[in-house]
């Protein structure tokens, strides 16, 4: 079948769109996770007017995230504690051998 590979690949792509001035900007990404990451970065930069993430093809029912959804995701990411210390893999490995 002609074009099946491309149709399958396109079905997995997601968009991020937002409005700036009188223009709507749209970015196409390869996965939902990449689109959400990009949307969070746009949100941080102040591009949240009509910010939206969704699948390029297929059903959009329940799949489209709006600016409030992105805001909640972003808040969840920034409120998580992050590790400060870097793991010393060599020491961990040697300690496991000795102990």
C-alpha atoms as a PDB file:
ATOM      1  CA  UNK A   1       0.000   0.000   0.000  1.00  0.00           C
ATOM      2  CA  UNK A   2       1.311   3.391  -0.971  1.00  0.00           C
ATOM      3  CA  UNK A   3       1.717   5.932   1.823  1.00  0.00           C
ATOM      4  CA  UNK A   4       0.877   3.604   4.746  1.00  0.00           C
ATOM      5  CA  UNK A   5       4.253   4.107   6.383  1.00  0.00           C
ATOM      6  CA  UNK A   6       3.890   7.878   6.157  1.00  0.00           C
ATOM      7  CA  UNK A   7       0.285   7.791   7.392  1.00  0.00           C
ATOM      8  CA  UNK A   8       1.318   5.705  10.416  1.00  0.00           C
ATOM      9  CA  UNK A   9       4.174   8.027  11.214  1.00  0.00           C
ATOM     10  CA  UNK A  10       1.985  11.106  10.830  1.00  0.00           C
ATOM     11  CA  UNK A  11      -0.636   9.595  13.130  1.00  0.00           C
ATOM     12  CA  UNK A  12       1.963   9.559  15.907  1.00  0.00           C
ATOM     13  CA  UNK A  13       2.912  13.219  15.501  1.00  0.00           C
ATOM     14  CA  UNK A  14       1.611  15.892  17.844  1.00  0.00           C
ATOM     15  CA  UNK A  15       1.347  19.642  17.527  1.00  0.00           C
ATOM     16  CA  UNK A  16       1.913  22.538  19.875  1.00  0.00           C
ATOM     17  CA  UNK A  17       0.213  25.784  18.947  1.00  0.00           C
ATOM     18  CA  UNK A  18      -0.069  29.197  20.542  1.00  0.00           C
ATOM     19  CA  UNK A  19      -1.106  32.682  19.535  1.00  0.00           C
ATOM     20  CA  UNK A  20       1.323  35.563  19.429  1.00  0.00           C
ATOM     21  CA  UNK A  21       0.121  38.938  18.230  1.00  0.00           C
ATOM     22  CA  UNK A  22      -2.284  38.231  15.396  1.00  0.00           C
ATOM     23  CA  UNK A  23      -0.598  34.984  14.385  1.00  0.00           C
ATOM     24  CA  UNK A  24      -1.014  31.369  15.434  1.00  0.00           C
ATOM     25  CA  UNK A  25       2.274  29.485  15.608  1.00  0.00           C
ATOM     26  CA  UNK A  26       2.310  25.699  15.258  1.00  0.00           C
ATOM     27  CA  UNK A  27       5.143  23.245  15.888  1.00  0.00           C
ATOM     28  CA  UNK A  28       4.982  19.568  14.926  1.00  0.00           C
ATOM     29  CA  UNK A  29       6.725  17.031  17.156  1.00  0.00           C
ATOM     30  CA  UNK A  30       7.210  13.269  16.986  1.00  0.00           C
ATOM     31  CA  UNK A  31       5.503  12.313  20.247  1.00  0.00           C
ATOM     32  CA  UNK A  32       3.069  13.479  22.885  1.00  0.00           C
ATOM     33  CA  UNK A  33       5.864  13.723  25.462  1.00  0.00           C
ATOM     34  CA  UNK A  34       8.002  15.953  23.237  1.00  0.00           C
ATOM     35  CA  UNK A  35       4.995  18.160  22.508  1.00  0.00           C
ATOM     36  CA  UNK A  36       4.219  18.537  26.214  1.00  0.00           C
ATOM     37  CA  UNK A  37       7.866  19.361  26.972  1.00  0.00           C
ATOM     38  CA  UNK A  38       7.871  22.004  24.237  1.00  0.00           C
ATOM     39  CA  UNK A  39       4.563  23.434  25.470  1.00  0.00           C
ATOM     40  CA  UNK A  40       5.966  23.736  28.991  1.00  0.00           C
ATOM     41  CA  UNK A  41       8.962  25.657  27.599  1.00  0.00           C
ATOM     42  CA  UNK A  42       6.649  27.960  25.632  1.00  0.00           C
ATOM     43  CA  UNK A  43       4.567  28.476  28.785  1.00  0.00           C
ATOM     44  CA  UNK A  44       7.749  29.451  30.690  1.00  0.00           C
ATOM     45  CA  UNK A  45       8.553  32.004  27.969  1.00  0.00           C
ATOM     46  CA  UNK A  46       5.112  33.587  28.225  1.00  0.00           C
ATOM     47  CA  UNK A  47       3.606  32.048  25.083  1.00  0.00           C
ATOM     48  CA  UNK A  48       0.428  30.718  26.672  1.00  0.00           C
ATOM     49  CA  UNK A  49      -2.264  32.602  24.771  1.00  0.00           C
ATOM     50  CA  UNK A  50      -4.364  29.797  23.236  1.00  0.00           C
ATOM     51  CA  UNK A  51      -1.574  27.298  24.020  1.00  0.00           C
ATOM     52  CA  UNK A  52      -2.688  23.846  22.931  1.00  0.00           C
ATOM     53  CA  UNK A  53      -1.193  20.363  22.439  1.00  0.00           C
ATOM     54  CA  UNK A  54      -2.918  17.659  20.423  1.00  0.00           C
ATOM     55  CA  UNK A  55      -2.532  14.821  17.938  1.00  0.00           C
ATOM     56  CA  UNK A  56      -2.138  15.746  14.282  1.00  0.00           C
ATOM     57  CA  UNK A  57      -4.430  12.960  13.067  1.00  0.00           C
ATOM     58  CA  UNK A  58      -7.011  10.681  14.589  1.00  0.00           C
ATOM     59  CA  UNK A  59      -9.534  11.378  17.282  1.00  0.00           C
ATOM     60  CA  UNK A  60      -9.013  14.534  19.282  1.00  0.00           C
ATOM     61  CA  UNK A  61     -11.646  13.594  21.864  1.00  0.00           C
ATOM     62  CA  UNK A  62      -9.994  13.823  25.258  1.00  0.00           C
ATOM     63  CA  UNK A  63      -6.525  14.134  23.703  1.00  0.00           C
ATOM     64  CA  UNK A  64      -6.160  17.909  23.332  1.00  0.00           C
ATOM     65  CA  UNK A  65      -4.459  19.737  26.193  1.00  0.00           C
ATOM     66  CA  UNK A  66      -5.194  23.443  26.619  1.00  0.00           C
ATOM     67  CA  UNK A  67      -3.238  26.142  28.425  1.00  0.00           C
ATOM     68  CA  UNK A  68      -4.735  25.217  31.814  1.00  0.00           C
ATOM     69  CA  UNK A  69      -3.717  21.561  31.358  1.00  0.00           C
ATOM     70  CA  UNK A  70      -0.190  22.655  30.404  1.00  0.00           C
ATOM     71  CA  UNK A  71      -0.065  24.996  33.419  1.00  0.00           C
ATOM     72  CA  UNK A  72      -0.977  22.118  35.756  1.00  0.00           C
ATOM     73  CA  UNK A  73       1.646  19.855  34.175  1.00  0.00           C
ATOM     74  CA  UNK A  74       4.253  22.617  34.466  1.00  0.00           C
ATOM     75  CA  UNK A  75       3.378  23.235  38.131  1.00  0.00           C
ATOM     76  CA  UNK A  76       3.673  19.514  38.825  1.00  0.00           C
ATOM     77  CA  UNK A  77       7.114  19.435  37.237  1.00  0.00           C
ATOM     78  CA  UNK A  78       8.439  22.434  39.149  1.00  0.00           C
ATOM     79  CA  UNK A  79       7.075  21.290  42.492  1.00  0.00           C
ATOM     80  CA  UNK A  80       8.843  17.920  42.343  1.00  0.00           C
ATOM     81  CA  UNK A  81      12.058  17.788  44.351  1.00  0.00           C
ATOM     82  CA  UNK A  82      15.151  17.306  42.244  1.00  0.00           C
ATOM     83  CA  UNK A  83      18.286  15.426  43.216  1.00  0.00           C
ATOM     84  CA  UNK A  84      21.254  17.696  43.819  1.00  0.00           C
ATOM     85  CA  UNK A  85      24.028  15.171  44.397  1.00  0.00           C
ATOM     86  CA  UNK A  86      25.510  13.248  41.505  1.00  0.00           C
ATOM     87  CA  UNK A  87      25.702   9.486  41.919  1.00  0.00           C
ATOM     88  CA  UNK A  88      29.262   8.134  42.095  1.00  0.00           C
ATOM     89  CA  UNK A  89      28.725   4.935  40.114  1.00  0.00           C
ATOM     90  CA  UNK A  90      32.223   3.593  40.748  1.00  0.00           C
ATOM     91  CA  UNK A  91      31.867   3.942  44.500  1.00  0.00           C
ATOM     92  CA  UNK A  92      28.385   2.407  44.428  1.00  0.00           C
ATOM     93  CA  UNK A  93      29.637  -0.529  42.353  1.00  0.00           C
ATOM     94  CA  UNK A  94      32.689  -1.138  44.581  1.00  0.00           C
ATOM     95  CA  UNK A  95      30.587  -0.827  47.732  1.00  0.00           C
ATOM     96  CA  UNK A  96      28.211  -3.458  46.422  1.00  0.00           C
ATOM     97  CA  UNK A  97      31.133  -5.814  45.713  1.00  0.00           C
ATOM     98  CA  UNK A  98      32.693  -5.316  49.148  1.00  0.00           C
ATOM     99  CA  UNK A  99      29.484  -5.412  51.147  1.00  0.00           C
END
